[in-house]
Amino acid sequence: MIYTTILVQLDIDAPATPRLIFAQQVARKFEADLIALASA
């Protein structure tokens, strides 16, 4: 399976660093674009 875009949801009340690091690693592995989304 090939991923071209990865969307990661961020919780505004919790630290985002671990989730962003993981999402970045996956995006790099698949040479995909990374989109981060946070909403209140």
PDB file of N, CA and C in Angstrom:
ATOM      1  N   MET A   1       0.841  -1.172   0.000  1.00  0.00           N
ATOM      2  CA  MET A   1       0.000   0.000   0.000  1.00  0.00           C
ATOM      3  C   MET A   1       0.889   1.239   0.000  1.00  0.00           C
ATOM      4  N   ILE A   2       0.541   2.219  -0.800  1.00  0.00           N
ATOM      5  CA  ILE A   2       1.313   3.454  -0.904  1.00  0.00           C
ATOM      6  C   ILE A   2       0.494   4.601  -0.331  1.00  0.00           C
ATOM      7  N   TYR A   3       1.115   5.348   0.562  1.00  0.00           N
ATOM      8  CA  TYR A   3       0.473   6.525   1.135  1.00  0.00           C
ATOM      9  C   TYR A   3       1.113   7.764   0.525  1.00  0.00           C
ATOM     10  N   THR A   4       0.305   8.700   0.051  1.00  0.00           N
ATOM     11  CA  THR A   4       0.850   9.931  -0.515  1.00  0.00           C
ATOM     12  C   THR A   4       0.628  11.119   0.399  1.00  0.00           C
ATOM     13  N   THR A   5      -0.379  11.032   1.253  1.00  0.00           N
ATOM     14  CA  THR A   5      -0.657  12.085   2.222  1.00  0.00           C
ATOM     15  C   THR A   5      -1.065  11.437   3.537  1.00  0.00           C
ATOM     16  N   ILE A   6      -0.493  11.943   4.617  1.00  0.00           N
ATOM     17  CA  ILE A   6      -0.823  11.428   5.940  1.00  0.00           C
ATOM     18  C   ILE A   6      -1.360  12.581   6.771  1.00  0.00           C
ATOM     19  N   LEU A   7      -2.509  12.354   7.387  1.00  0.00           N
ATOM     20  CA  LEU A   7      -3.151  13.345   8.243  1.00  0.00           C
ATOM     21  C   LEU A   7      -3.015  12.885   9.685  1.00  0.00           C
ATOM     22  N   VAL A   8      -2.485  13.765  10.535  1.00  0.00           N
ATOM     23  CA  VAL A   8      -2.365  13.442  11.953  1.00  0.00           C
ATOM     24  C   VAL A   8      -3.193  14.453  12.741  1.00  0.00           C
ATOM     25  N   GLN A   9      -4.016  13.919  13.637  1.00  0.00           N
ATOM     26  CA  GLN A   9      -4.861  14.763  14.468  1.00  0.00           C
ATOM     27  C   GLN A   9      -4.128  15.060  15.768  1.00  0.00           C
ATOM     28  N   LEU A  10      -4.087  16.327  16.142  1.00  0.00           N
ATOM     29  CA  LEU A  10      -3.403  16.733  17.361  1.00  0.00           C
ATOM     30  C   LEU A  10      -4.419  17.191  18.393  1.00  0.00           C
ATOM     31  N   ASP A  11      -4.214  16.781  19.632  1.00  0.00           N
ATOM     32  CA  ASP A  11      -5.069  17.188  20.738  1.00  0.00           C
ATOM     33  C   ASP A  11      -4.484  18.467  21.329  1.00  0.00           C
ATOM     34  N   ILE A  12      -5.280  19.521  21.397  1.00  0.00           N
ATOM     35  CA  ILE A  12      -4.743  20.796  21.883  1.00  0.00           C
ATOM     36  C   ILE A  12      -4.470  20.770  23.383  1.00  0.00           C
ATOM     37  N   ASP A  13      -5.000  19.783  24.097  1.00  0.00           N
ATOM     38  CA  ASP A  13      -4.807  19.691  25.541  1.00  0.00           C
ATOM     39  C   ASP A  13      -3.717  18.702  25.946  1.00  0.00           C
ATOM     40  N   ALA A  14      -3.060  18.099  24.984  1.00  0.00           N
ATOM     41  CA  ALA A  14      -2.038  17.096  25.298  1.00  0.00           C
ATOM     42  C   ALA A  14      -0.777  17.370  24.478  1.00  0.00           C
ATOM     43  N   PRO A  15       0.371  16.903  24.966  1.00  0.00           N
ATOM     44  CA  PRO A  15       1.608  17.079  24.199  1.00  0.00           C
ATOM     45  C   PRO A  15       1.514  16.402  22.830  1.00  0.00           C
ATOM     46  N   ALA A  16       1.941  17.107  21.817  1.00  0.00           N
ATOM     47  CA  ALA A  16       1.835  16.596  20.446  1.00  0.00           C
ATOM     48  C   ALA A  16       3.130  15.961  19.953  1.00  0.00           C
ATOM     49  N   THR A  17       4.219  16.166  20.656  1.00  0.00           N
ATOM     50  CA  THR A  17       5.521  15.739  20.162  1.00  0.00           C
ATOM     51  C   THR A  17       5.599  14.254  19.804  1.00  0.00           C
ATOM     52  N   PRO A  18       5.204  13.325  20.673  1.00  0.00           N
ATOM     53  CA  PRO A  18       5.321  11.904  20.296  1.00  0.00           C
ATOM     54  C   PRO A  18       4.512  11.555  19.051  1.00  0.00           C
ATOM     55  N   ARG A  19       3.327  12.090  18.956  1.00  0.00           N
ATOM     56  CA  ARG A  19       2.469  11.798  17.803  1.00  0.00           C
ATOM     57  C   ARG A  19       3.073  12.387  16.530  1.00  0.00           C
ATOM     58  N   LEU A  20       3.618  13.592  16.630  1.00  0.00           N
ATOM     59  CA  LEU A  20       4.226  14.221  15.455  1.00  0.00           C
ATOM     60  C   LEU A  20       5.482  13.482  15.011  1.00  0.00           C
ATOM     61  N   ILE A  21       6.276  13.036  15.948  1.00  0.00           N
ATOM     62  CA  ILE A  21       7.490  12.290  15.602  1.00  0.00           C
ATOM     63  C   ILE A  21       7.127  11.008  14.859  1.00  0.00           C
ATOM     64  N   PHE A  22       6.138  10.278  15.376  1.00  0.00           N
ATOM     65  CA  PHE A  22       5.712   9.047  14.712  1.00  0.00           C
ATOM     66  C   PHE A  22       5.163   9.341  13.318  1.00  0.00           C
ATOM     67  N   ALA A  23       4.309  10.350  13.208  1.00  0.00           N
ATOM     68  CA  ALA A  23       3.720  10.700  11.912  1.00  0.00           C
ATOM     69  C   ALA A  23       4.807  11.119  10.924  1.00  0.00           C
ATOM     70  N   GLN A  24       5.798  11.836  11.404  1.00  0.00           N
ATOM     71  CA  GLN A  24       6.900  12.262  10.539  1.00  0.00           C
ATOM     72  C   GLN A  24       7.691  11.051  10.040  1.00  0.00           C
ATOM     73  N   GLN A  25       7.923  10.083  10.897  1.00  0.00           N
ATOM     74  CA  GLN A  25       8.648   8.877  10.493  1.00  0.00           C
ATOM     75  C   GLN A  25       7.883   8.107   9.419  1.00  0.00           C
ATOM     76  N   VAL A  26       6.586   7.980   9.598  1.00  0.00           N
ATOM     77  CA  VAL A  26       5.765   7.275   8.612  1.00  0.00           C
ATOM     78  C   VAL A  26       5.762   8.038   7.293  1.00  0.00           C
ATOM     79  N   ALA A  27       5.614   9.357   7.366  1.00  0.00           N
ATOM     80  CA  ALA A  27       5.596  10.174   6.153  1.00  0.00           C
ATOM     81  C   ALA A  27       6.920  10.054   5.395  1.00  0.00           C
ATOM     82  N   ARG A  28       8.013  10.064   6.114  1.00  0.00           N
ATOM     83  CA  ARG A  28       9.319   9.912   5.455  1.00  0.00           C
ATOM     84  C   ARG A  28       9.457   8.537   4.807  1.00  0.00           C
ATOM     85  N   LYS A  29       8.999   7.513   5.501  1.00  0.00           N
ATOM     86  CA  LYS A  29       9.101   6.147   4.979  1.00  0.00           C
ATOM     87  C   LYS A  29       8.380   6.010   3.644  1.00  0.00           C
ATOM     88  N   PHE A  30       7.219   6.635   3.524  1.00  0.00           N
ATOM     89  CA  PHE A  30       6.419   6.528   2.312  1.00  0.00           C
ATOM     90  C   PHE A  30       6.586   7.729   1.383  1.00  0.00           C
ATOM     91  N   GLU A  31       7.519   8.629   1.732  1.00  0.00           N
ATOM     92  CA  GLU A  31       7.731   9.861   0.958  1.00  0.00           C
ATOM     93  C   GLU A  31       6.402  10.585   0.748  1.00  0.00           C
ATOM     94  N   ALA A  32       5.645  10.693   1.831  1.00  0.00           N
ATOM     95  CA  ALA A  32       4.308  11.281   1.783  1.00  0.00           C
ATOM     96  C   ALA A  32       4.312  12.685   2.377  1.00  0.00           C
ATOM     97  N   ASP A  33       3.297  13.445   2.020  1.00  0.00           N
ATOM     98  CA  ASP A  33       3.079  14.747   2.639  1.00  0.00           C
ATOM     99  C   ASP A  33       2.443  14.518   4.007  1.00  0.00           C
ATOM    100  N   LEU A  34       2.769  15.394   4.950  1.00  0.00           N
ATOM    101  CA  LEU A  34       2.221  15.284   6.296  1.00  0.00           C
ATOM    102  C   LEU A  34       1.385  16.519   6.591  1.00  0.00           C
ATOM    103  N   ILE A  35       0.153  16.292   7.011  1.00  0.00           N
ATOM    104  CA  ILE A  35      -0.750  17.375   7.384  1.00  0.00           C
ATOM    105  C   ILE A  35      -1.126  17.167   8.841  1.00  0.00           C
ATOM    106  N   ALA A  36      -0.956  18.196   9.654  1.00  0.00           N
ATOM    107  CA  ALA A  36      -1.345  18.138  11.060  1.00  0.00           C
ATOM    108  C   ALA A  36      -2.602  18.978  11.249  1.00  0.00           C
ATOM    109  N   LEU A  37      -3.543  18.452  12.025  1.00  0.00           N
ATOM    110  CA  LEU A  37      -4.826  19.118  12.229  1.00  0.00           C
ATOM    111  C   LEU A  37      -5.133  19.177  13.716  1.00  0.00           C
ATOM    112  N   ALA A  38      -5.464  20.371  14.183  1.00  0.00           N
ATOM    113  CA  ALA A  38      -5.907  20.551  15.567  1.00  0.00           C
ATOM    114  C   ALA A  38      -7.109  21.480  15.547  1.00  0.00           C
ATOM    115  N   SER A  39      -8.100  21.142  16.330  1.00  0.00           N
ATOM    116  CA  SER A  39      -9.272  22.015  16.410  1.00  0.00           C
ATOM    117  C   SER A  39      -9.806  22.001  17.830  1.00  0.00           C
ATOM    118  N   ALA A  40     -10.484  23.059  18.162  1.00  0.00           N
ATOM    119  CA  ALA A  40     -11.044  23.174  19.518  1.00  0.00           C
ATOM    120  C   ALA A  40     -12.554  23.144  19.458  1.00  0.00           C
TER     121      ALA A  40
END
